[in-house]
Amino acid sequence: VAIDAAGGLAGTYRKIHLFDAFGDHESERVAPGDRPVVVELAGT
């Protein structure tokens, strides 16, 4: 979550690549996102 200095929700990003590696299986617990996200925050 990206939150601006006034407390507004500037944007959100759902993790695309899930950590099914090194013996872990994140995808069993976590659903993948489907898009890259760029937000405007702190003037950047």
PDB file of all heavy atoms in Angstrom:
ATOM      1  N   VAL A   1       0.849  -1.191   0.000  1.00  0.00           N
ATOM      2  CA  VAL A   1       0.000   0.000   0.000  1.00  0.00           C
ATOM      3  C   VAL A   1       0.887   1.245   0.000  1.00  0.00           C
ATOM      4  O   VAL A   1       1.888   1.306   0.716  1.00  0.00           O
ATOM      5  CB  VAL A   1      -0.979   0.029   1.195  1.00  0.00           C
ATOM      6  CG1 VAL A   1      -2.003  -1.083   1.079  1.00  0.00           C
ATOM      7  CG2 VAL A   1      -0.247  -0.079   2.534  1.00  0.00           C
ATOM      8  N   ALA A   2       0.520   2.204  -0.834  1.00  0.00           N
ATOM      9  CA  ALA A   2       1.201   3.492  -0.902  1.00  0.00           C
ATOM     10  C   ALA A   2       0.243   4.546  -0.375  1.00  0.00           C
ATOM     11  O   ALA A   2      -0.849   4.728  -0.915  1.00  0.00           O
ATOM     12  CB  ALA A   2       1.613   3.801  -2.334  1.00  0.00           C
ATOM     13  N   ILE A   3       0.639   5.221   0.691  1.00  0.00           N
ATOM     14  CA  ILE A   3      -0.225   6.165   1.393  1.00  0.00           C
ATOM     15  C   ILE A   3       0.461   7.531   1.386  1.00  0.00           C
ATOM     16  O   ILE A   3       1.652   7.640   1.726  1.00  0.00           O
ATOM     17  CB  ILE A   3      -0.471   5.686   2.838  1.00  0.00           C
ATOM     18  CG1 ILE A   3      -1.185   4.322   2.809  1.00  0.00           C
ATOM     19  CG2 ILE A   3      -1.281   6.702   3.623  1.00  0.00           C
ATOM     20  CD1 ILE A   3      -1.260   3.640   4.158  1.00  0.00           C
ATOM     21  N   ASP A   4      -0.273   8.560   0.993  1.00  0.00           N
ATOM     22  CA  ASP A   4       0.346   9.885   0.912  1.00  0.00           C
ATOM     23  C   ASP A   4       0.373  10.561   2.277  1.00  0.00           C
ATOM     24  O   ASP A   4      -0.164  10.045   3.263  1.00  0.00           O
ATOM     25  CB  ASP A   4      -0.329  10.756  -0.155  1.00  0.00           C
ATOM     26  CG  ASP A   4      -1.778  11.104   0.157  1.00  0.00           C
ATOM     27  OD1 ASP A   4      -2.152  11.195   1.349  1.00  0.00           O
ATOM     28  OD2 ASP A   4      -2.557  11.310  -0.812  1.00  0.00           O
ATOM     29  N   ALA A   5       1.025  11.721   2.329  1.00  0.00           N
ATOM     30  CA  ALA A   5       1.250  12.391   3.611  1.00  0.00           C
ATOM     31  C   ALA A   5      -0.034  12.916   4.236  1.00  0.00           C
ATOM     32  O   ALA A   5      -0.057  13.230   5.436  1.00  0.00           O
ATOM     33  CB  ALA A   5       2.247  13.537   3.430  1.00  0.00           C
ATOM     34  N   ALA A   6      -1.113  13.000   3.463  1.00  0.00           N
ATOM     35  CA  ALA A   6      -2.411  13.404   4.000  1.00  0.00           C
ATOM     36  C   ALA A   6      -3.238  12.201   4.443  1.00  0.00           C
ATOM     37  O   ALA A   6      -4.380  12.348   4.874  1.00  0.00           O
ATOM     38  CB  ALA A   6      -3.174  14.218   2.965  1.00  0.00           C
ATOM     39  N   GLY A   7      -2.684  10.997   4.319  1.00  0.00           N
ATOM     40  CA  GLY A   7      -3.406   9.790   4.711  1.00  0.00           C
ATOM     41  C   GLY A   7      -4.231   9.173   3.601  1.00  0.00           C
ATOM     42  O   GLY A   7      -4.964   8.213   3.843  1.00  0.00           O
ATOM     43  N   GLY A   8      -4.114   9.693   2.388  1.00  0.00           N
ATOM     44  CA  GLY A   8      -4.862   9.132   1.267  1.00  0.00           C
ATOM     45  C   GLY A   8      -4.185   7.897   0.703  1.00  0.00           C
ATOM     46  O   GLY A   8      -2.955   7.792   0.704  1.00  0.00           O
ATOM     47  N   LEU A   9      -4.990   6.973   0.221  1.00  0.00           N
ATOM     48  CA  LEU A   9      -4.456   5.769  -0.398  1.00  0.00           C
ATOM     49  C   LEU A   9      -4.098   6.101  -1.844  1.00  0.00           C
ATOM     50  O   LEU A   9      -4.960   6.218  -2.710  1.00  0.00           O
ATOM     51  CB  LEU A   9      -5.483   4.640  -0.328  1.00  0.00           C
ATOM     52  CG  LEU A   9      -5.000   3.233  -0.688  1.00  0.00           C
ATOM     53  CD1 LEU A   9      -3.884   2.778   0.236  1.00  0.00           C
ATOM     54  CD2 LEU A   9      -6.158   2.245  -0.641  1.00  0.00           C
ATOM     55  N   ALA A  10      -2.792   6.257  -2.107  1.00  0.00           N
ATOM     56  CA  ALA A  10      -2.334   6.685  -3.427  1.00  0.00           C
ATOM     57  C   ALA A  10      -2.320   5.547  -4.432  1.00  0.00           C
ATOM     58  O   ALA A  10      -2.365   5.789  -5.644  1.00  0.00           O
ATOM     59  CB  ALA A  10      -0.930   7.295  -3.313  1.00  0.00           C
ATOM     60  N   GLY A  11      -2.239   4.306  -3.959  1.00  0.00           N
ATOM     61  CA  GLY A  11      -2.225   3.166  -4.866  1.00  0.00           C
ATOM     62  C   GLY A  11      -1.876   1.890  -4.126  1.00  0.00           C
ATOM     63  O   GLY A  11      -1.420   1.924  -2.976  1.00  0.00           O
ATOM     64  N   THR A  12      -2.114   0.770  -4.777  1.00  0.00           N
ATOM     65  CA  THR A  12      -1.791  -0.530  -4.189  1.00  0.00           C
ATOM     66  C   THR A  12      -1.202  -1.429  -5.273  1.00  0.00           C
ATOM     67  O   THR A  12      -1.531  -1.296  -6.454  1.00  0.00           O
ATOM     68  CB  THR A  12      -3.034  -1.221  -3.600  1.00  0.00           C
ATOM     69  OG1 THR A  12      -3.977  -1.506  -4.640  1.00  0.00           O
ATOM     70  CG2 THR A  12      -3.695  -0.343  -2.545  1.00  0.00           C
ATOM     71  N   TYR A  13      -0.341  -2.334  -4.846  1.00  0.00           N
ATOM     72  CA  TYR A  13       0.271  -3.292  -5.763  1.00  0.00           C
ATOM     73  C   TYR A  13       0.207  -4.682  -5.146  1.00  0.00           C
ATOM     74  O   TYR A  13       0.673  -4.899  -4.017  1.00  0.00           O
ATOM     75  CB  TYR A  13       1.729  -2.921  -6.043  1.00  0.00           C
ATOM     76  CG  TYR A  13       2.508  -4.067  -6.659  1.00  0.00           C
ATOM     77  CD1 TYR A  13       2.201  -4.544  -7.931  1.00  0.00           C
ATOM     78  CD2 TYR A  13       3.529  -4.702  -5.952  1.00  0.00           C
ATOM     79  CE1 TYR A  13       2.885  -5.618  -8.493  1.00  0.00           C
ATOM     80  CE2 TYR A  13       4.218  -5.776  -6.506  1.00  0.00           C
ATOM     81  CZ  TYR A  13       3.899  -6.224  -7.768  1.00  0.00           C
ATOM     82  OH  TYR A  13       4.572  -7.291  -8.313  1.00  0.00           O
ATOM     83  N   ARG A  14      -0.366  -5.623  -5.874  1.00  0.00           N
ATOM     84  CA  ARG A  14      -0.419  -7.018  -5.440  1.00  0.00           C
ATOM     85  C   ARG A  14       0.753  -7.775  -6.060  1.00  0.00           C
ATOM     86  O   ARG A  14       0.907  -7.787  -7.278  1.00  0.00           O
ATOM     87  CB  ARG A  14      -1.747  -7.643  -5.860  1.00  0.00           C
ATOM     88  CG  ARG A  14      -2.940  -7.059  -5.120  1.00  0.00           C
ATOM     89  CD  ARG A  14      -4.252  -7.512  -5.735  1.00  0.00           C
ATOM     90  NE  ARG A  14      -5.401  -7.108  -4.926  1.00  0.00           N
ATOM     91  CZ  ARG A  14      -6.662  -7.216  -5.309  1.00  0.00           C
ATOM     92  NH1 ARG A  14      -6.947  -7.727  -6.512  1.00  0.00           N
ATOM     93  NH2 ARG A  14      -7.635  -6.828  -4.515  1.00  0.00           N
ATOM     94  N   LYS A  15       1.552  -8.386  -5.214  1.00  0.00           N
ATOM     95  CA  LYS A  15       2.781  -9.074  -5.634  1.00  0.00           C
ATOM     96  C   LYS A  15       2.505 -10.048  -6.777  1.00  0.00           C
ATOM     97  O   LYS A  15       1.630 -10.913  -6.683  1.00  0.00           O
ATOM     98  CB  LYS A  15       3.366  -9.806  -4.435  1.00  0.00           C
ATOM     99  CG  LYS A  15       4.678 -10.512  -4.672  1.00  0.00           C
ATOM    100  CD  LYS A  15       5.123 -11.160  -3.370  1.00  0.00           C
ATOM    101  CE  LYS A  15       6.437 -11.894  -3.492  1.00  0.00           C
ATOM    102  NZ  LYS A  15       6.789 -12.561  -2.210  1.00  0.00           N
ATOM    103  N   ILE A  16       3.267  -9.906  -7.861  1.00  0.00           N
ATOM    104  CA  ILE A  16       3.054 -10.711  -9.059  1.00  0.00           C
ATOM    105  C   ILE A  16       3.758 -12.066  -8.958  1.00  0.00           C
ATOM    106  O   ILE A  16       3.181 -13.108  -9.248  1.00  0.00           O
ATOM    107  CB  ILE A  16       3.540  -9.948 -10.302  1.00  0.00           C
ATOM    108  CG1 ILE A  16       2.630  -8.740 -10.578  1.00  0.00           C
ATOM    109  CG2 ILE A  16       3.593 -10.862 -11.518  1.00  0.00           C
ATOM    110  CD1 ILE A  16       3.135  -7.834 -11.685  1.00  0.00           C
ATOM    111  N   HIS A  17       5.021 -12.048  -8.563  1.00  0.00           N
ATOM    112  CA  HIS A  17       5.835 -13.263  -8.551  1.00  0.00           C
ATOM    113  C   HIS A  17       5.827 -13.863  -7.149  1.00  0.00           C
ATOM    114  O   HIS A  17       6.232 -13.212  -6.186  1.00  0.00           O
ATOM    115  CB  HIS A  17       7.274 -12.944  -8.970  1.00  0.00           C
ATOM    116  CG  HIS A  17       7.380 -12.342 -10.331  1.00  0.00           C
ATOM    117  ND1 HIS A  17       7.503 -10.981 -10.530  1.00  0.00           N
ATOM    118  CD2 HIS A  17       7.353 -12.902 -11.568  1.00  0.00           C
ATOM    119  CE1 HIS A  17       7.577 -10.736 -11.825  1.00  0.00           C
ATOM    120  NE2 HIS A  17       7.480 -11.881 -12.483  1.00  0.00           N
ATOM    121  N   LEU A  18       5.367 -15.095  -7.030  1.00  0.00           N
ATOM    122  CA  LEU A  18       5.207 -15.738  -5.723  1.00  0.00           C
ATOM    123  C   LEU A  18       6.374 -16.679  -5.454  1.00  0.00           C
ATOM    124  O   LEU A  18       6.868 -17.376  -6.346  1.00  0.00           O
ATOM    125  CB  LEU A  18       3.874 -16.476  -5.662  1.00  0.00           C
ATOM    126  CG  LEU A  18       2.649 -15.586  -5.895  1.00  0.00           C
ATOM    127  CD1 LEU A  18       1.371 -16.399  -5.773  1.00  0.00           C
ATOM    128  CD2 LEU A  18       2.627 -14.392  -4.943  1.00  0.00           C
ATOM    129  N   PHE A  19       6.786 -16.728  -4.204  1.00  0.00           N
ATOM    130  CA  PHE A  19       8.022 -17.389  -3.787  1.00  0.00           C
ATOM    131  C   PHE A  19       7.809 -18.894  -3.630  1.00  0.00           C
ATOM    132  O   PHE A  19       7.696 -19.421  -2.528  1.00  0.00           O
ATOM    133  CB  PHE A  19       8.512 -16.753  -2.480  1.00  0.00           C
ATOM    134  CG  PHE A  19       9.854 -17.254  -2.012  1.00  0.00           C
ATOM    135  CD1 PHE A  19      10.974 -17.133  -2.797  1.00  0.00           C
ATOM    136  CD2 PHE A  19       9.978 -17.833  -0.760  1.00  0.00           C
ATOM    137  CE1 PHE A  19      12.210 -17.585  -2.352  1.00  0.00           C
ATOM    138  CE2 PHE A  19      11.205 -18.290  -0.303  1.00  0.00           C
ATOM    139  CZ  PHE A  19      12.326 -18.167  -1.102  1.00  0.00           C
ATOM    140  N   ASP A  20       7.768 -19.562  -4.767  1.00  0.00           N
ATOM    141  CA  ASP A  20       7.719 -21.028  -4.783  1.00  0.00           C
ATOM    142  C   ASP A  20       9.132 -21.524  -5.089  1.00  0.00           C
ATOM    143  O   ASP A  20       9.426 -22.030  -6.182  1.00  0.00           O
ATOM    144  CB  ASP A  20       6.724 -21.528  -5.823  1.00  0.00           C
ATOM    145  CG  ASP A  20       5.279 -21.278  -5.419  1.00  0.00           C
ATOM    146  OD1 ASP A  20       5.049 -20.788  -4.300  1.00  0.00           O
ATOM    147  OD2 ASP A  20       4.385 -21.567  -6.222  1.00  0.00           O
ATOM    148  N   ALA A  21      10.020 -21.344  -4.140  1.00  0.00           N
ATOM    149  CA  ALA A  21      11.437 -21.623  -4.344  1.00  0.00           C
ATOM    150  C   ALA A  21      12.078 -21.896  -2.992  1.00  0.00           C
ATOM    151  O   ALA A  21      11.497 -21.573  -1.943  1.00  0.00           O
ATOM    152  CB  ALA A  21      12.121 -20.436  -5.023  1.00  0.00           C
ATOM    153  N   PHE A  22      13.270 -22.488  -3.017  1.00  0.00           N
ATOM    154  CA  PHE A  22      14.002 -22.791  -1.781  1.00  0.00           C
ATOM    155  C   PHE A  22      13.135 -23.584  -0.806  1.00  0.00           C
ATOM    156  O   PHE A  22      13.220 -23.421   0.410  1.00  0.00           O
ATOM    157  CB  PHE A  22      14.528 -21.508  -1.118  1.00  0.00           C
ATOM    158  CG  PHE A  22      15.640 -20.833  -1.871  1.00  0.00           C
ATOM    159  CD1 PHE A  22      15.374 -19.824  -2.775  1.00  0.00           C
ATOM    160  CD2 PHE A  22      16.961 -21.209  -1.671  1.00  0.00           C
ATOM    161  CE1 PHE A  22      16.396 -19.196  -3.479  1.00  0.00           C
ATOM    162  CE2 PHE A  22      17.998 -20.590  -2.365  1.00  0.00           C
ATOM    163  CZ  PHE A  22      17.710 -19.582  -3.272  1.00  0.00           C
ATOM    164  N   GLY A  23      12.247 -24.412  -1.349  1.00  0.00           N
ATOM    165  CA  GLY A  23      11.404 -25.254  -0.512  1.00  0.00           C
ATOM    166  C   GLY A  23      10.148 -24.584   0.007  1.00  0.00           C
ATOM    167  O   GLY A  23       9.346 -25.217   0.702  1.00  0.00           O
ATOM    168  N   ASP A  24       9.943 -23.296  -0.308  1.00  0.00           N
ATOM    169  CA  ASP A  24       8.726 -22.601   0.127  1.00  0.00           C
ATOM    170  C   ASP A  24       7.675 -22.698  -0.972  1.00  0.00           C
ATOM    171  O   ASP A  24       7.977 -22.982  -2.131  1.00  0.00           O
ATOM    172  CB  ASP A  24       9.045 -21.134   0.443  1.00  0.00           C
ATOM    173  CG  ASP A  24       8.048 -20.508   1.395  1.00  0.00           C
ATOM    174  OD1 ASP A  24       6.934 -21.056   1.521  1.00  0.00           O
ATOM    175  OD2 ASP A  24       8.373 -19.480   2.011  1.00  0.00           O
ATOM    176  N   HIS A  25       6.406 -22.433  -0.591  1.00  0.00           N
ATOM    177  CA  HIS A  25       5.289 -22.519  -1.542  1.00  0.00           C
ATOM    178  C   HIS A  25       4.309 -21.388  -1.244  1.00  0.00           C
ATOM    179  O   HIS A  25       3.191 -21.615  -0.793  1.00  0.00           O
ATOM    180  CB  HIS A  25       4.601 -23.884  -1.449  1.00  0.00           C
ATOM    181  CG  HIS A  25       5.527 -25.034  -1.682  1.00  0.00           C
ATOM    182  ND1 HIS A  25       5.901 -25.446  -2.941  1.00  0.00           N
ATOM    183  CD2 HIS A  25       6.180 -25.844  -0.809  1.00  0.00           C
ATOM    184  CE1 HIS A  25       6.730 -26.463  -2.850  1.00  0.00           C
ATOM    185  NE2 HIS A  25       6.927 -26.728  -1.566  1.00  0.00           N
ATOM    186  N   GLU A  26       4.741 -20.161  -1.523  1.00  0.00           N
ATOM    187  CA  GLU A  26       3.902 -19.005  -1.225  1.00  0.00           C
ATOM    188  C   GLU A  26       2.563 -19.074  -1.946  1.00  0.00           C
ATOM    189  O   GLU A  26       1.535 -18.622  -1.422  1.00  0.00           O
ATOM    190  CB  GLU A  26       4.635 -17.714  -1.595  1.00  0.00           C
ATOM    191  CG  GLU A  26       3.885 -16.451  -1.177  1.00  0.00           C
ATOM    192  CD  GLU A  26       4.614 -15.171  -1.524  1.00  0.00           C
ATOM    193  OE1 GLU A  26       5.600 -15.210  -2.299  1.00  0.00           O
ATOM    194  OE2 GLU A  26       4.188 -14.111  -1.017  1.00  0.00           O
ATOM    195  N   SER A  27       2.537 -19.655  -3.140  1.00  0.00           N
ATOM    196  CA  SER A  27       1.299 -19.674  -3.921  1.00  0.00           C
ATOM    197  C   SER A  27       0.204 -20.510  -3.268  1.00  0.00           C
ATOM    198  O   SER A  27      -0.971 -20.390  -3.648  1.00  0.00           O
ATOM    199  CB  SER A  27       1.562 -20.193  -5.333  1.00  0.00           C
ATOM    200  OG  SER A  27       1.996 -21.539  -5.304  1.00  0.00           O
ATOM    201  N   GLU A  28       0.547 -21.363  -2.309  1.00  0.00           N
ATOM    202  CA  GLU A  28      -0.492 -22.104  -1.589  1.00  0.00           C
ATOM    203  C   GLU A  28      -1.298 -21.177  -0.679  1.00  0.00           C
ATOM    204  O   GLU A  28      -2.452 -21.467  -0.364  1.00  0.00           O
ATOM    205  CB  GLU A  28       0.142 -23.212  -0.746  1.00  0.00           C
ATOM    206  CG  GLU A  28       0.787 -24.316  -1.560  1.00  0.00           C
ATOM    207  CD  GLU A  28       1.453 -25.366  -0.693  1.00  0.00           C
ATOM    208  OE1 GLU A  28       1.492 -25.171   0.561  1.00  0.00           O
ATOM    209  OE2 GLU A  28       1.936 -26.374  -1.239  1.00  0.00           O
ATOM    210  N   ARG A  29      -0.692 -20.073  -0.268  1.00  0.00           N
ATOM    211  CA  ARG A  29      -1.324 -19.154   0.681  1.00  0.00           C
ATOM    212  C   ARG A  29      -1.676 -17.806   0.070  1.00  0.00           C
ATOM    213  O   ARG A  29      -2.488 -17.069   0.629  1.00  0.00           O
ATOM    214  CB  ARG A  29      -0.400 -18.935   1.882  1.00  0.00           C
ATOM    215  CG  ARG A  29       0.089 -20.215   2.526  1.00  0.00           C
ATOM    216  CD  ARG A  29       1.114 -19.961   3.630  1.00  0.00           C
ATOM    217  NE  ARG A  29       2.330 -19.331   3.147  1.00  0.00           N
ATOM    218  CZ  ARG A  29       3.356 -19.981   2.605  1.00  0.00           C
ATOM    219  NH1 ARG A  29       3.294 -21.296   2.435  1.00  0.00           N
ATOM    220  NH2 ARG A  29       4.434 -19.330   2.222  1.00  0.00           N
ATOM    221  N   VAL A  30      -1.008 -17.476  -1.039  1.00  0.00           N
ATOM    222  CA  VAL A  30      -1.095 -16.139  -1.622  1.00  0.00           C
ATOM    223  C   VAL A  30      -1.490 -16.249  -3.090  1.00  0.00           C
ATOM    224  O   VAL A  30      -0.948 -17.072  -3.833  1.00  0.00           O
ATOM    225  CB  VAL A  30       0.261 -15.406  -1.495  1.00  0.00           C
ATOM    226  CG1 VAL A  30       0.200 -14.038  -2.164  1.00  0.00           C
ATOM    227  CG2 VAL A  30       0.657 -15.258  -0.023  1.00  0.00           C
ATOM    228  N   ALA A  31      -2.442 -15.422  -3.502  1.00  0.00           N
ATOM    229  CA  ALA A  31      -2.845 -15.338  -4.905  1.00  0.00           C
ATOM    230  C   ALA A  31      -2.013 -14.254  -5.596  1.00  0.00           C
ATOM    231  O   ALA A  31      -1.706 -13.224  -4.992  1.00  0.00           O
ATOM    232  CB  ALA A  31      -4.328 -15.003  -5.020  1.00  0.00           C
ATOM    233  N   PRO A  32      -1.643 -14.457  -6.880  1.00  0.00           N
ATOM    234  CA  PRO A  32      -0.778 -13.487  -7.547  1.00  0.00           C
ATOM    235  C   PRO A  32      -1.535 -12.263  -8.040  1.00  0.00           C
ATOM    236  O   PRO A  32      -2.712 -12.341  -8.411  1.00  0.00           O
ATOM    237  CB  PRO A  32      -0.221 -14.281  -8.731  1.00  0.00           C
ATOM    238  CG  PRO A  32      -1.311 -15.261  -9.047  1.00  0.00           C
ATOM    239  CD  PRO A  32      -1.918 -15.631  -7.713  1.00  0.00           C
ATOM    240  N   GLY A  33      -0.848 -11.138  -8.060  1.00  0.00           N
ATOM    241  CA  GLY A  33      -1.353  -9.966  -8.749  1.00  0.00           C
ATOM    242  C   GLY A  33      -1.162 -10.109 -10.244  1.00  0.00           C
ATOM    243  O   GLY A  33      -0.560 -11.072 -10.725  1.00  0.00           O
ATOM    244  N   ASP A  34      -1.654  -9.111 -10.996  1.00  0.00           N
ATOM    245  CA  ASP A  34      -1.612  -9.254 -12.453  1.00  0.00           C
ATOM    246  C   ASP A  34      -1.194  -7.992 -13.195  1.00  0.00           C
ATOM    247  O   ASP A  34      -1.350  -7.910 -14.411  1.00  0.00           O
ATOM    248  CB  ASP A  34      -2.974  -9.721 -12.971  1.00  0.00           C
ATOM    249  CG  ASP A  34      -4.104  -8.755 -12.633  1.00  0.00           C
ATOM    250  OD1 ASP A  34      -3.825  -7.656 -12.099  1.00  0.00           O
ATOM    251  OD2 ASP A  34      -5.267  -9.100 -12.882  1.00  0.00           O
ATOM    252  N   ARG A  35      -0.629  -6.996 -12.469  1.00  0.00           N
ATOM    253  CA  ARG A  35      -0.206  -5.800 -13.209  1.00  0.00           C
ATOM    254  C   ARG A  35       0.857  -5.036 -12.424  1.00  0.00           C
ATOM    255  O   ARG A  35       0.794  -4.939 -11.193  1.00  0.00           O
ATOM    256  CB  ARG A  35      -1.394  -4.867 -13.494  1.00  0.00           C
ATOM    257  CG  ARG A  35      -2.065  -4.297 -12.265  1.00  0.00           C
ATOM    258  CD  ARG A  35      -3.289  -3.469 -12.606  1.00  0.00           C
ATOM    259  NE  ARG A  35      -3.912  -2.923 -11.406  1.00  0.00           N
ATOM    260  CZ  ARG A  35      -3.616  -1.733 -10.890  1.00  0.00           C
ATOM    261  NH1 ARG A  35      -2.723  -0.957 -11.491  1.00  0.00           N
ATOM    262  NH2 ARG A  35      -4.216  -1.308  -9.801  1.00  0.00           N
ATOM    263  N   PRO A  36       1.847  -4.486 -13.129  1.00  0.00           N
ATOM    264  CA  PRO A  36       2.807  -3.590 -12.493  1.00  0.00           C
ATOM    265  C   PRO A  36       2.114  -2.289 -12.077  1.00  0.00           C
ATOM    266  O   PRO A  36       1.129  -1.875 -12.705  1.00  0.00           O
ATOM    267  CB  PRO A  36       3.850  -3.333 -13.574  1.00  0.00           C
ATOM    268  CG  PRO A  36       3.594  -4.367 -14.626  1.00  0.00           C
ATOM    269  CD  PRO A  36       2.147  -4.706 -14.548  1.00  0.00           C
ATOM    270  N   VAL A  37       2.636  -1.648 -11.049  1.00  0.00           N
ATOM    271  CA  VAL A  37       1.992  -0.438 -10.531  1.00  0.00           C
ATOM    272  C   VAL A  37       3.043   0.649 -10.274  1.00  0.00           C
ATOM    273  O   VAL A  37       4.048   0.411  -9.598  1.00  0.00           O
ATOM    274  CB  VAL A  37       1.224  -0.728  -9.222  1.00  0.00           C
ATOM    275  CG1 VAL A  37       0.696   0.569  -8.607  1.00  0.00           C
ATOM    276  CG2 VAL A  37       0.068  -1.698  -9.494  1.00  0.00           C
ATOM    277  N   VAL A  38       2.776   1.825 -10.821  1.00  0.00           N
ATOM    278  CA  VAL A  38       3.549   3.031 -10.521  1.00  0.00           C
ATOM    279  C   VAL A  38       2.607   4.014  -9.843  1.00  0.00           C
ATOM    280  O   VAL A  38       1.489   4.246 -10.316  1.00  0.00           O
ATOM    281  CB  VAL A  38       4.135   3.660 -11.806  1.00  0.00           C
ATOM    282  CG1 VAL A  38       4.861   4.962 -11.484  1.00  0.00           C
ATOM    283  CG2 VAL A  38       5.075   2.680 -12.495  1.00  0.00           C
ATOM    284  N   VAL A  39       3.043   4.575  -8.710  1.00  0.00           N
ATOM    285  CA  VAL A  39       2.210   5.513  -7.963  1.00  0.00           C
ATOM    286  C   VAL A  39       2.920   6.861  -7.856  1.00  0.00           C
ATOM    287  O   VAL A  39       4.149   6.939  -7.940  1.00  0.00           O
ATOM    288  CB  VAL A  39       1.890   4.988  -6.542  1.00  0.00           C
ATOM    289  CG1 VAL A  39       1.096   3.696  -6.611  1.00  0.00           C
ATOM    290  CG2 VAL A  39       3.152   4.792  -5.716  1.00  0.00           C
ATOM    291  N   GLU A  40       2.131   7.895  -7.659  1.00  0.00           N
ATOM    292  CA  GLU A  40       2.664   9.229  -7.389  1.00  0.00           C
ATOM    293  C   GLU A  40       2.683   9.422  -5.879  1.00  0.00           C
ATOM    294  O   GLU A  40       1.641   9.380  -5.225  1.00  0.00           O
ATOM    295  CB  GLU A  40       1.795  10.284  -8.055  1.00  0.00           C
ATOM    296  CG  GLU A  40       2.340  11.695  -7.951  1.00  0.00           C
ATOM    297  CD  GLU A  40       3.382  12.010  -9.028  1.00  0.00           C
ATOM    298  OE1 GLU A  40       3.334  11.356 -10.083  1.00  0.00           O
ATOM    299  OE2 GLU A  40       4.208  12.908  -8.794  1.00  0.00           O
ATOM    300  N   LEU A  41       3.866   9.604  -5.320  1.00  0.00           N
ATOM    301  CA  LEU A  41       4.009   9.673  -3.869  1.00  0.00           C
ATOM    302  C   LEU A  41       5.168  10.607  -3.537  1.00  0.00           C
ATOM    303  O   LEU A  41       6.250  10.491  -4.132  1.00  0.00           O
ATOM    304  CB  LEU A  41       4.279   8.270  -3.309  1.00  0.00           C
ATOM    305  CG  LEU A  41       3.867   7.955  -1.875  1.00  0.00           C
ATOM    306  CD1 LEU A  41       2.365   8.151  -1.675  1.00  0.00           C
ATOM    307  CD2 LEU A  41       4.252   6.533  -1.512  1.00  0.00           C
ATOM    308  N   ALA A  42       4.929  11.516  -2.616  1.00  0.00           N
ATOM    309  CA  ALA A  42       5.957  12.487  -2.213  1.00  0.00           C
ATOM    310  C   ALA A  42       6.531  13.221  -3.424  1.00  0.00           C
ATOM    311  O   ALA A  42       7.731  13.488  -3.510  1.00  0.00           O
ATOM    312  CB  ALA A  42       7.071  11.793  -1.421  1.00  0.00           C
ATOM    313  N   GLY A  43       5.655  13.535  -4.388  1.00  0.00           N
ATOM    314  CA  GLY A  43       6.065  14.276  -5.565  1.00  0.00           C
ATOM    315  C   GLY A  43       6.906  13.490  -6.546  1.00  0.00           C
ATOM    316  O   GLY A  43       7.538  14.080  -7.433  1.00  0.00           O
ATOM    317  N   THR A  44       6.901  12.170  -6.420  1.00  0.00           N
ATOM    318  CA  THR A  44       7.773  11.320  -7.234  1.00  0.00           C
ATOM    319  C   THR A  44       6.983  10.137  -7.765  1.00  0.00           C
ATOM    320  O   THR A  44       6.128   9.591  -7.064  1.00  0.00           O
ATOM    321  CB  THR A  44       8.953  10.807  -6.374  1.00  0.00           C
ATOM    322  OG1 THR A  44       9.645  11.926  -5.810  1.00  0.00           O
ATOM    323  CG2 THR A  44       9.920   9.986  -7.201  1.00  0.00           C
TER     324      THR A  44
END
